[in-house]
Amino acid sequence: MPNPHVLLRVYTDEAAISGDRSVVEIVLERAHGAGLLGATVHRAQAGFGHAAHLHRQSFIDRNNPVVIEIVDVEPRVRAFWEDVSTLSGIGLVTLEKVEVIRGGREED
């Protein structure tokens, strides 16, 4: 039986920095380097997390909430998460099983 695919969602914001680099850039770079099926970054207009700070899109504040979505088979995604889990600037992270109907690897 093939490995089930999963969707990893990483919640952060545009201004989140780990070291001297953007968390979004680091996560995307590592996902690409790990050969994962795909990753997409969504910028939200507004949102809040556990800190209850409301992020909103404005001309002055360029710190919009961001969701990074990554899809692949579960073992690859879990291994990838272990690689990025210690980055500062990451908020909520979710993982859910998904059915891939197009675009998966044939060996999976």
PDB file of N, CA and C in Angstrom:
ATOM      1  N   MET A   1       0.846  -1.189   0.000  1.00  0.00           N
ATOM      2  CA  MET A   1       0.000   0.000   0.000  1.00  0.00           C
ATOM      3  C   MET A   1       0.886   1.245   0.000  1.00  0.00           C
ATOM      4  N   PRO A   2       0.575   2.212  -0.839  1.00  0.00           N
ATOM      5  CA  PRO A   2       1.401   3.419  -0.904  1.00  0.00           C
ATOM      6  C   PRO A   2       1.306   4.245   0.368  1.00  0.00           C
ATOM      7  N   ASN A   3       2.332   5.052   0.610  1.00  0.00           N
ATOM      8  CA  ASN A   3       2.312   5.964   1.752  1.00  0.00           C
ATOM      9  C   ASN A   3       1.256   7.038   1.524  1.00  0.00           C
ATOM     10  N   PRO A   4       0.484   7.383   2.556  1.00  0.00           N
ATOM     11  CA  PRO A   4      -0.496   8.458   2.381  1.00  0.00           C
ATOM     12  C   PRO A   4       0.208   9.813   2.282  1.00  0.00           C
ATOM     13  N   HIS A   5      -0.374  10.692   1.504  1.00  0.00           N
ATOM     14  CA  HIS A   5       0.147  12.051   1.409  1.00  0.00           C
ATOM     15  C   HIS A   5      -0.410  12.877   2.562  1.00  0.00           C
ATOM     16  N   VAL A   6       0.349  13.884   2.951  1.00  0.00           N
ATOM     17  CA  VAL A   6      -0.071  14.785   4.013  1.00  0.00           C
ATOM     18  C   VAL A   6       0.171  16.225   3.592  1.00  0.00           C
ATOM     19  N   LEU A   7      -0.539  17.102   4.251  1.00  0.00           N
ATOM     20  CA  LEU A   7      -0.403  18.543   4.052  1.00  0.00           C
ATOM     21  C   LEU A   7       0.109  19.135   5.355  1.00  0.00           C
ATOM     22  N   LEU A   8       1.280  19.738   5.299  1.00  0.00           N
ATOM     23  CA  LEU A   8       1.866  20.432   6.445  1.00  0.00           C
ATOM     24  C   LEU A   8       1.594  21.915   6.261  1.00  0.00           C
ATOM     25  N   ARG A   9       1.012  22.546   7.286  1.00  0.00           N
ATOM     26  CA  ARG A   9       0.798  23.991   7.252  1.00  0.00           C
ATOM     27  C   ARG A   9       1.640  24.624   8.343  1.00  0.00           C
ATOM     28  N   VAL A  10       2.433  25.591   7.961  1.00  0.00           N
ATOM     29  CA  VAL A  10       3.295  26.319   8.885  1.00  0.00           C
ATOM     30  C   VAL A  10       2.815  27.766   8.905  1.00  0.00           C
ATOM     31  N   TYR A  11       2.398  28.222  10.071  1.00  0.00           N
ATOM     32  CA  TYR A  11       1.896  29.587  10.235  1.00  0.00           C
ATOM     33  C   TYR A  11       3.024  30.467  10.772  1.00  0.00           C
ATOM     34  N   THR A  12       3.234  31.590  10.119  1.00  0.00           N
ATOM     35  CA  THR A  12       4.272  32.538  10.524  1.00  0.00           C
ATOM     36  C   THR A  12       3.846  33.917  10.037  1.00  0.00           C
ATOM     37  N   ASP A  13       4.766  34.826   9.895  1.00  0.00           N
ATOM     38  CA  ASP A  13       4.458  36.119   9.307  1.00  0.00           C
ATOM     39  C   ASP A  13       5.639  36.576   8.464  1.00  0.00           C
ATOM     40  N   GLU A  14       5.374  37.568   7.628  1.00  0.00           N
ATOM     41  CA  GLU A  14       6.393  38.026   6.679  1.00  0.00           C
ATOM     42  C   GLU A  14       7.660  38.531   7.358  1.00  0.00           C
ATOM     43  N   ALA A  15       7.537  39.089   8.536  1.00  0.00           N
ATOM     44  CA  ALA A  15       8.686  39.674   9.220  1.00  0.00           C
ATOM     45  C   ALA A  15       9.449  38.673  10.086  1.00  0.00           C
ATOM     46  N   ALA A  16       8.992  37.425  10.151  1.00  0.00           N
ATOM     47  CA  ALA A  16       9.665  36.432  10.996  1.00  0.00           C
ATOM     48  C   ALA A  16      11.060  36.151  10.459  1.00  0.00           C
ATOM     49  N   ILE A  17      12.036  36.240  11.360  1.00  0.00           N
ATOM     50  CA  ILE A  17      13.444  36.069  11.002  1.00  0.00           C
ATOM     51  C   ILE A  17      14.038  34.959  11.863  1.00  0.00           C
ATOM     52  N   SER A  18      14.852  34.132  11.253  1.00  0.00           N
ATOM     53  CA  SER A  18      15.632  33.143  11.992  1.00  0.00           C
ATOM     54  C   SER A  18      17.084  33.376  11.607  1.00  0.00           C
ATOM     55  N   GLY A  19      17.868  33.794  12.589  1.00  0.00           N
ATOM     56  CA  GLY A  19      19.230  34.233  12.259  1.00  0.00           C
ATOM     57  C   GLY A  19      19.133  35.550  11.523  1.00  0.00           C
ATOM     58  N   ASP A  20      19.642  35.582  10.316  1.00  0.00           N
ATOM     59  CA  ASP A  20      19.576  36.813   9.525  1.00  0.00           C
ATOM     60  C   ASP A  20      18.739  36.640   8.257  1.00  0.00           C
ATOM     61  N   ARG A  21      17.893  35.589   8.235  1.00  0.00           N
ATOM     62  CA  ARG A  21      17.102  35.299   7.038  1.00  0.00           C
ATOM     63  C   ARG A  21      15.623  35.164   7.368  1.00  0.00           C
ATOM     64  N   SER A  22      14.813  35.379   6.373  1.00  0.00           N
ATOM     65  CA  SER A  22      13.364  35.232   6.499  1.00  0.00           C
ATOM     66  C   SER A  22      13.011  33.761   6.712  1.00  0.00           C
ATOM     67  N   VAL A  23      12.118  33.502   7.654  1.00  0.00           N
ATOM     68  CA  VAL A  23      11.655  32.137   7.912  1.00  0.00           C
ATOM     69  C   VAL A  23      11.018  31.558   6.647  1.00  0.00           C
ATOM     70  N   VAL A  24      10.240  32.352   5.945  1.00  0.00           N
ATOM     71  CA  VAL A  24       9.595  31.881   4.721  1.00  0.00           C
ATOM     72  C   VAL A  24      10.641  31.413   3.715  1.00  0.00           C
ATOM     73  N   GLU A  25      11.673  32.202   3.493  1.00  0.00           N
ATOM     74  CA  GLU A  25      12.724  31.823   2.543  1.00  0.00           C
ATOM     75  C   GLU A  25      13.434  30.543   2.975  1.00  0.00           C
ATOM     76  N   ILE A  26      13.735  30.429   4.256  1.00  0.00           N
ATOM     77  CA  ILE A  26      14.438  29.244   4.762  1.00  0.00           C
ATOM     78  C   ILE A  26      13.578  27.998   4.565  1.00  0.00           C
ATOM     79  N   VAL A  27      12.307  28.067   4.947  1.00  0.00           N
ATOM     80  CA  VAL A  27      11.429  26.908   4.830  1.00  0.00           C
ATOM     81  C   VAL A  27      11.284  26.495   3.369  1.00  0.00           C
ATOM     82  N   LEU A  28      11.059  27.458   2.477  1.00  0.00           N
ATOM     83  CA  LEU A  28      10.935  27.123   1.056  1.00  0.00           C
ATOM     84  C   LEU A  28      12.221  26.533   0.492  1.00  0.00           C
ATOM     85  N   GLU A  29      13.334  27.109   0.833  1.00  0.00           N
ATOM     86  CA  GLU A  29      14.623  26.616   0.350  1.00  0.00           C
ATOM     87  C   GLU A  29      14.875  25.182   0.815  1.00  0.00           C
ATOM     88  N   ARG A  30      14.593  24.920   2.083  1.00  0.00           N
ATOM     89  CA  ARG A  30      14.807  23.565   2.609  1.00  0.00           C
ATOM     90  C   ARG A  30      13.805  22.569   2.034  1.00  0.00           C
ATOM     91  N   ALA A  31      12.570  22.985   1.803  1.00  0.00           N
ATOM     92  CA  ALA A  31      11.575  22.098   1.191  1.00  0.00           C
ATOM     93  C   ALA A  31      11.996  21.724  -0.227  1.00  0.00           C
ATOM     94  N   HIS A  32      12.476  22.705  -0.959  1.00  0.00           N
ATOM     95  CA  HIS A  32      12.959  22.446  -2.323  1.00  0.00           C
ATOM     96  C   HIS A  32      14.174  21.523  -2.289  1.00  0.00           C
ATOM     97  N   GLY A  33      15.100  21.811  -1.387  1.00  0.00           N
ATOM     98  CA  GLY A  33      16.301  20.991  -1.257  1.00  0.00           C
ATOM     99  C   GLY A  33      15.997  19.565  -0.831  1.00  0.00           C
ATOM    100  N   ALA A  34      14.903  19.369  -0.081  1.00  0.00           N
ATOM    101  CA  ALA A  34      14.512  18.031   0.357  1.00  0.00           C
ATOM    102  C   ALA A  34      13.770  17.272  -0.736  1.00  0.00           C
ATOM    103  N   GLY A  35      13.497  17.932  -1.853  1.00  0.00           N
ATOM    104  CA  GLY A  35      12.818  17.279  -2.964  1.00  0.00           C
ATOM    105  C   GLY A  35      11.343  17.005  -2.716  1.00  0.00           C
ATOM    106  N   LEU A  36      10.722  17.814  -1.866  1.00  0.00           N
ATOM    107  CA  LEU A  36       9.302  17.608  -1.581  1.00  0.00           C
ATOM    108  C   LEU A  36       8.462  17.943  -2.803  1.00  0.00           C
ATOM    109  N   LEU A  37       7.268  17.353  -2.874  1.00  0.00           N
ATOM    110  CA  LEU A  37       6.406  17.519  -4.047  1.00  0.00           C
ATOM    111  C   LEU A  37       6.075  18.973  -4.343  1.00  0.00           C
ATOM    112  N   GLY A  38       5.779  19.738  -3.307  1.00  0.00           N
ATOM    113  CA  GLY A  38       5.417  21.116  -3.564  1.00  0.00           C
ATOM    114  C   GLY A  38       5.260  21.918  -2.295  1.00  0.00           C
ATOM    115  N   ALA A  39       5.402  23.216  -2.444  1.00  0.00           N
ATOM    116  CA  ALA A  39       5.217  24.153  -1.338  1.00  0.00           C
ATOM    117  C   ALA A  39       4.632  25.441  -1.899  1.00  0.00           C
ATOM    118  N   THR A  40       3.703  26.005  -1.166  1.00  0.00           N
ATOM    119  CA  THR A  40       3.066  27.255  -1.569  1.00  0.00           C
ATOM    120  C   THR A  40       2.991  28.176  -0.364  1.00  0.00           C
ATOM    121  N   VAL A  41       3.234  29.464  -0.587  1.00  0.00           N
ATOM    122  CA  VAL A  41       3.133  30.465   0.468  1.00  0.00           C
ATOM    123  C   VAL A  41       1.895  31.314   0.200  1.00  0.00           C
ATOM    124  N   HIS A  42       1.044  31.434   1.224  1.00  0.00           N
ATOM    125  CA  HIS A  42      -0.163  32.255   1.136  1.00  0.00           C
ATOM    126  C   HIS A  42      -0.018  33.434   2.090  1.00  0.00           C
ATOM    127  N   ARG A  43      -0.186  34.635   1.583  1.00  0.00           N
ATOM    128  CA  ARG A  43      -0.181  35.830   2.435  1.00  0.00           C
ATOM    129  C   ARG A  43      -1.626  36.173   2.776  1.00  0.00           C
ATOM    130  N   ALA A  44      -1.910  36.320   4.041  1.00  0.00           N
ATOM    131  CA  ALA A  44      -3.266  36.633   4.493  1.00  0.00           C
ATOM    132  C   ALA A  44      -3.434  38.135   4.675  1.00  0.00           C
ATOM    133  N   GLN A  45      -4.662  38.574   4.640  1.00  0.00           N
ATOM    134  CA  GLN A  45      -4.944  39.989   4.874  1.00  0.00           C
ATOM    135  C   GLN A  45      -4.963  40.324   6.348  1.00  0.00           C
ATOM    136  N   ALA A  46      -5.384  39.353   7.167  1.00  0.00           N
ATOM    137  CA  ALA A  46      -5.448  39.587   8.604  1.00  0.00           C
ATOM    138  C   ALA A  46      -5.436  38.247   9.322  1.00  0.00           C
ATOM    139  N   GLY A  47      -5.033  38.277  10.591  1.00  0.00           N
ATOM    140  CA  GLY A  47      -5.045  37.062  11.388  1.00  0.00           C
ATOM    141  C   GLY A  47      -4.446  37.320  12.754  1.00  0.00           C
ATOM    142  N   PHE A  48      -4.620  36.341  13.658  1.00  0.00           N
ATOM    143  CA  PHE A  48      -3.985  36.433  14.964  1.00  0.00           C
ATOM    144  C   PHE A  48      -3.704  35.024  15.445  1.00  0.00           C
ATOM    145  N   GLY A  49      -2.769  34.914  16.377  1.00  0.00           N
ATOM    146  CA  GLY A  49      -2.393  33.624  16.938  1.00  0.00           C
ATOM    147  C   GLY A  49      -2.481  33.640  18.443  1.00  0.00           C
ATOM    148  N   HIS A  50      -1.700  32.770  19.073  1.00  0.00           N
ATOM    149  CA  HIS A  50      -1.762  32.634  20.529  1.00  0.00           C
ATOM    150  C   HIS A  50      -1.397  33.912  21.266  1.00  0.00           C
ATOM    151  N   ALA A  51      -0.598  34.780  20.654  1.00  0.00           N
ATOM    152  CA  ALA A  51      -0.208  36.026  21.304  1.00  0.00           C
ATOM    153  C   ALA A  51      -1.318  37.084  21.223  1.00  0.00           C
ATOM    154  N   ALA A  52      -2.361  36.796  20.443  1.00  0.00           N
ATOM    155  CA  ALA A  52      -3.517  37.676  20.275  1.00  0.00           C
ATOM    156  C   ALA A  52      -3.175  39.000  19.609  1.00  0.00           C
ATOM    157  N   HIS A  53      -1.964  39.105  19.040  1.00  0.00           N
ATOM    158  CA  HIS A  53      -1.622  40.306  18.275  1.00  0.00           C
ATOM    159  C   HIS A  53      -2.296  40.202  16.919  1.00  0.00           C
ATOM    160  N   LEU A  54      -3.115  41.188  16.566  1.00  0.00           N
ATOM    161  CA  LEU A  54      -3.836  41.175  15.307  1.00  0.00           C
ATOM    162  C   LEU A  54      -2.935  41.719  14.207  1.00  0.00           C
ATOM    163  N   HIS A  55      -2.657  40.892  13.220  1.00  0.00           N
ATOM    164  CA  HIS A  55      -1.876  41.314  12.050  1.00  0.00           C
ATOM    165  C   HIS A  55      -2.859  41.724  10.963  1.00  0.00           C
ATOM    166  N   ARG A  56      -2.631  42.901  10.391  1.00  0.00           N
ATOM    167  CA  ARG A  56      -3.477  43.370   9.301  1.00  0.00           C
ATOM    168  C   ARG A  56      -2.608  43.928   8.194  1.00  0.00           C
ATOM    169  N   GLN A  57      -3.127  43.832   6.991  1.00  0.00           N
ATOM    170  CA  GLN A  57      -2.422  44.397   5.853  1.00  0.00           C
ATOM    171  C   GLN A  57      -2.594  45.910   5.888  1.00  0.00           C
ATOM    172  N   SER A  58      -1.486  46.631   5.796  1.00  0.00           N
ATOM    173  CA  SER A  58      -1.560  48.086   5.763  1.00  0.00           C
ATOM    174  C   SER A  58      -0.365  48.621   4.985  1.00  0.00           C
ATOM    175  N   PHE A  59      -0.391  49.891   4.696  1.00  0.00           N
ATOM    176  CA  PHE A  59       0.709  50.511   3.965  1.00  0.00           C
ATOM    177  C   PHE A  59       1.954  50.642   4.829  1.00  0.00           C
ATOM    178  N   ILE A  60       1.761  50.822   6.136  1.00  0.00           N
ATOM    179  CA  ILE A  60       2.889  51.023   7.037  1.00  0.00           C
ATOM    180  C   ILE A  60       3.472  49.696   7.504  1.00  0.00           C
ATOM    181  N   ASP A  61       2.608  48.809   7.965  1.00  0.00           N
ATOM    182  CA  ASP A  61       3.044  47.529   8.537  1.00  0.00           C
ATOM    183  C   ASP A  61       3.131  46.475   7.446  1.00  0.00           C
ATOM    184  N   ARG A  62       4.314  46.015   7.152  1.00  0.00           N
ATOM    185  CA  ARG A  62       4.533  44.972   6.153  1.00  0.00           C
ATOM    186  C   ARG A  62       4.751  43.625   6.830  1.00  0.00           C
ATOM    187  N   ASN A  63       3.975  43.350   7.862  1.00  0.00           N
ATOM    188  CA  ASN A  63       4.118  42.109   8.603  1.00  0.00           C
ATOM    189  C   ASN A  63       2.828  41.306   8.517  1.00  0.00           C
ATOM    190  N   ASN A  64       2.475  40.903   7.298  1.00  0.00           N
ATOM    191  CA  ASN A  64       1.250  40.149   7.091  1.00  0.00           C
ATOM    192  C   ASN A  64       1.421  38.711   7.567  1.00  0.00           C
ATOM    193  N   PRO A  65       0.328  38.102   8.033  1.00  0.00           N
ATOM    194  CA  PRO A  65       0.389  36.684   8.371  1.00  0.00           C
ATOM    195  C   PRO A  65       0.633  35.865   7.104  1.00  0.00           C
ATOM    196  N   VAL A  66       1.348  34.755   7.269  1.00  0.00           N
ATOM    197  CA  VAL A  66       1.712  33.895   6.142  1.00  0.00           C
ATOM    198  C   VAL A  66       1.462  32.445   6.537  1.00  0.00           C
ATOM    199  N   VAL A  67       0.949  31.668   5.578  1.00  0.00           N
ATOM    200  CA  VAL A  67       0.809  30.225   5.753  1.00  0.00           C
ATOM    201  C   VAL A  67       1.612  29.555   4.644  1.00  0.00           C
ATOM    202  N   ILE A  68       2.485  28.647   5.043  1.00  0.00           N
ATOM    203  CA  ILE A  68       3.258  27.867   4.074  1.00  0.00           C
ATOM    204  C   ILE A  68       2.650  26.471   4.045  1.00  0.00           C
ATOM    205  N   GLU A  69       2.227  26.021   2.870  1.00  0.00           N
ATOM    206  CA  GLU A  69       1.650  24.686   2.721  1.00  0.00           C
ATOM    207  C   GLU A  69       2.623  23.798   1.956  1.00  0.00           C
ATOM    208  N   ILE A  70       2.840  22.604   2.484  1.00  0.00           N
ATOM    209  CA  ILE A  70       3.787  21.660   1.890  1.00  0.00           C
ATOM    210  C   ILE A  70       3.089  20.305   1.790  1.00  0.00           C
ATOM    211  N   VAL A  71       3.193  19.664   0.624  1.00  0.00           N
ATOM    212  CA  VAL A  71       2.562  18.367   0.404  1.00  0.00           C
ATOM    213  C   VAL A  71       3.597  17.346  -0.025  1.00  0.00           C
ATOM    214  N   ASP A  72       3.532  16.161   0.563  1.00  0.00           N
ATOM    215  CA  ASP A  72       4.327  15.005   0.147  1.00  0.00           C
ATOM    216  C   ASP A  72       3.847  13.815   0.964  1.00  0.00           C
ATOM    217  N   VAL A  73       4.526  12.700   0.826  1.00  0.00           N
ATOM    218  CA  VAL A  73       4.160  11.534   1.632  1.00  0.00           C
ATOM    219  C   VAL A  73       4.593  11.788   3.074  1.00  0.00           C
ATOM    220  N   GLU A  74       3.899  11.150   3.993  1.00  0.00           N
ATOM    221  CA  GLU A  74       4.096  11.435   5.408  1.00  0.00           C
ATOM    222  C   GLU A  74       5.534  11.279   5.896  1.00  0.00           C
ATOM    223  N   PRO A  75       6.244  10.203   5.557  1.00  0.00           N
ATOM    224  CA  PRO A  75       7.618  10.087   6.072  1.00  0.00           C
ATOM    225  C   PRO A  75       8.525  11.227   5.625  1.00  0.00           C
ATOM    226  N   ARG A  76       8.365  11.676   4.395  1.00  0.00           N
ATOM    227  CA  ARG A  76       9.204  12.789   3.901  1.00  0.00           C
ATOM    228  C   ARG A  76       8.863  14.097   4.602  1.00  0.00           C
ATOM    229  N   VAL A  77       7.576  14.329   4.815  1.00  0.00           N
ATOM    230  CA  VAL A  77       7.158  15.573   5.467  1.00  0.00           C
ATOM    231  C   VAL A  77       7.602  15.591   6.923  1.00  0.00           C
ATOM    232  N   ARG A  78       7.468  14.466   7.605  1.00  0.00           N
ATOM    233  CA  ARG A  78       7.905  14.421   9.008  1.00  0.00           C
ATOM    234  C   ARG A  78       9.415  14.614   9.121  1.00  0.00           C
ATOM    235  N   ALA A  79      10.179  14.031   8.214  1.00  0.00           N
ATOM    236  CA  ALA A  79      11.631  14.228   8.217  1.00  0.00           C
ATOM    237  C   ALA A  79      11.969  15.690   7.942  1.00  0.00           C
ATOM    238  N   PHE A  80      11.253  16.309   7.002  1.00  0.00           N
ATOM    239  CA  PHE A  80      11.455  17.725   6.701  1.00  0.00           C
ATOM    240  C   PHE A  80      11.138  18.573   7.933  1.00  0.00           C
ATOM    241  N   TRP A  81      10.020  18.280   8.615  1.00  0.00           N
ATOM    242  CA  TRP A  81       9.642  19.053   9.789  1.00  0.00           C
ATOM    243  C   TRP A  81      10.726  18.992  10.852  1.00  0.00           C
ATOM    244  N   GLU A  82      11.330  17.836  11.047  1.00  0.00           N
ATOM    245  CA  GLU A  82      12.425  17.717  12.016  1.00  0.00           C
ATOM    246  C   GLU A  82      13.563  18.679  11.672  1.00  0.00           C
ATOM    247  N   ASP A  83      13.793  18.904  10.382  1.00  0.00           N
ATOM    248  CA  ASP A  83      14.861  19.800   9.928  1.00  0.00           C
ATOM    249  C   ASP A  83      14.559  21.267  10.220  1.00  0.00           C
ATOM    250  N   VAL A  84      13.303  21.662  10.149  1.00  0.00           N
ATOM    251  CA  VAL A  84      12.967  23.089  10.310  1.00  0.00           C
ATOM    252  C   VAL A  84      12.290  23.423  11.629  1.00  0.00           C
ATOM    253  N   SER A  85      11.986  22.431  12.448  1.00  0.00           N
ATOM    254  CA  SER A  85      11.195  22.658  13.660  1.00  0.00           C
ATOM    255  C   SER A  85      11.856  23.579  14.680  1.00  0.00           C
ATOM    256  N   THR A  86      13.155  23.724  14.639  1.00  0.00           N
ATOM    257  CA  THR A  86      13.840  24.569  15.618  1.00  0.00           C
ATOM    258  C   THR A  86      14.002  26.024  15.163  1.00  0.00           C
ATOM    259  N   LEU A  87      13.524  26.346  13.974  1.00  0.00           N
ATOM    260  CA  LEU A  87      13.621  27.733  13.510  1.00  0.00           C
ATOM    261  C   LEU A  87      12.780  28.638  14.402  1.00  0.00           C
ATOM    262  N   SER A  88      13.309  29.790  14.736  1.00  0.00           N
ATOM    263  CA  SER A  88      12.511  30.766  15.473  1.00  0.00           C
ATOM    264  C   SER A  88      11.539  31.420  14.491  1.00  0.00           C
ATOM    265  N   GLY A  89      10.456  31.956  15.011  1.00  0.00           N
ATOM    266  CA  GLY A  89       9.511  32.674  14.170  1.00  0.00           C
ATOM    267  C   GLY A  89       8.401  31.822  13.588  1.00  0.00           C
ATOM    268  N   ILE A  90       8.351  30.536  13.959  1.00  0.00           N
ATOM    269  CA  ILE A  90       7.276  29.669  13.487  1.00  0.00           C
ATOM    270  C   ILE A  90       6.214  29.602  14.577  1.00  0.00           C
ATOM    271  N   GLY A  91       4.969  29.744  14.161  1.00  0.00           N
ATOM    272  CA  GLY A  91       3.855  29.659  15.105  1.00  0.00           C
ATOM    273  C   GLY A  91       3.224  28.280  15.048  1.00  0.00           C
ATOM    274  N   LEU A  92       1.930  28.259  14.835  1.00  0.00           N
ATOM    275  CA  LEU A  92       1.168  27.016  14.756  1.00  0.00           C
ATOM    276  C   LEU A  92       1.627  26.187  13.561  1.00  0.00           C
ATOM    277  N   VAL A  93       1.661  24.863  13.740  1.00  0.00           N
ATOM    278  CA  VAL A  93       1.983  23.937  12.656  1.00  0.00           C
ATOM    279  C   VAL A  93       0.945  22.827  12.702  1.00  0.00           C
ATOM    280  N   THR A  94       0.340  22.525  11.543  1.00  0.00           N
ATOM    281  CA  THR A  94      -0.643  21.448  11.479  1.00  0.00           C
ATOM    282  C   THR A  94      -0.247  20.440  10.418  1.00  0.00           C
ATOM    283  N   LEU A  95      -0.757  19.226  10.577  1.00  0.00           N
ATOM    284  CA  LEU A  95      -0.482  18.147   9.630  1.00  0.00           C
ATOM    285  C   LEU A  95      -1.781  17.375   9.439  1.00  0.00           C
ATOM    286  N   GLU A  96      -2.167  17.171   8.187  1.00  0.00           N
ATOM    287  CA  GLU A  96      -3.380  16.414   7.921  1.00  0.00           C
ATOM    288  C   GLU A  96      -3.199  15.543   6.690  1.00  0.00           C
ATOM    289  N   LYS A  97      -3.876  14.411   6.682  1.00  0.00           N
ATOM    290  CA  LYS A  97      -3.830  13.515   5.534  1.00  0.00           C
ATOM    291  C   LYS A  97      -4.630  14.133   4.402  1.00  0.00           C
ATOM    292  N   VAL A  98      -4.119  14.001   3.186  1.00  0.00           N
ATOM    293  CA  VAL A  98      -4.813  14.496   1.999  1.00  0.00           C
ATOM    294  C   VAL A  98      -4.766  13.430   0.914  1.00  0.00           C
ATOM    295  N   GLU A  99      -5.709  13.507   0.012  1.00  0.00           N
ATOM    296  CA  GLU A  99      -5.710  12.625  -1.147  1.00  0.00           C
ATOM    297  C   GLU A  99      -5.169  13.413  -2.330  1.00  0.00           C
ATOM    298  N   VAL A 100      -4.071  12.947  -2.900  1.00  0.00           N
ATOM    299  CA  VAL A 100      -3.502  13.591  -4.080  1.00  0.00           C
ATOM    300  C   VAL A 100      -4.116  12.918  -5.300  1.00  0.00           C
ATOM    301  N   ILE A 101      -4.800  13.688  -6.131  1.00  0.00           N
ATOM    302  CA  ILE A 101      -5.424  13.104  -7.301  1.00  0.00           C
ATOM    303  C   ILE A 101      -4.654  13.401  -8.589  1.00  0.00           C
ATOM    304  N   ARG A 102      -3.669  14.278  -8.478  1.00  0.00           N
ATOM    305  CA  ARG A 102      -2.800  14.580  -9.611  1.00  0.00           C
ATOM    306  C   ARG A 102      -1.515  15.200  -9.088  1.00  0.00           C
ATOM    307  N   GLY A 103      -0.391  14.817  -9.644  1.00  0.00           N
ATOM    308  CA  GLY A 103       0.873  15.455  -9.315  1.00  0.00           C
ATOM    309  C   GLY A 103       1.762  14.721  -8.343  1.00  0.00           C
ATOM    310  N   GLY A 104       1.366  13.557  -7.884  1.00  0.00           N
ATOM    311  CA  GLY A 104       2.205  12.795  -6.970  1.00  0.00           C
ATOM    312  C   GLY A 104       3.304  12.044  -7.703  1.00  0.00           C
ATOM    313  N   ARG A 105       4.183  11.432  -6.941  1.00  0.00           N
ATOM    314  CA  ARG A 105       5.217  10.592  -7.528  1.00  0.00           C
ATOM    315  C   ARG A 105       4.654   9.215  -7.822  1.00  0.00           C
ATOM    316  N   GLU A 106       5.089   8.597  -8.892  1.00  0.00           N
ATOM    317  CA  GLU A 106       4.586   7.268  -9.237  1.00  0.00           C
ATOM    318  C   GLU A 106       4.982   6.225  -8.226  1.00  0.00           C
ATOM    319  N   GLU A 107       6.184   6.342  -7.617  1.00  0.00           N
ATOM    320  CA  GLU A 107       6.632   5.340  -6.656  1.00  0.00           C
ATOM    321  C   GLU A 107       5.949   5.471  -5.306  1.00  0.00           C
ATOM    322  N   ASP A 108       5.239   6.562  -5.055  1.00  0.00           N
ATOM    323  CA  ASP A 108       4.568   6.738  -3.764  1.00  0.00           C
ATOM    324  C   ASP A 108       3.216   6.140  -3.869  1.00  0.00           C
TER     325      ASP A 108
END
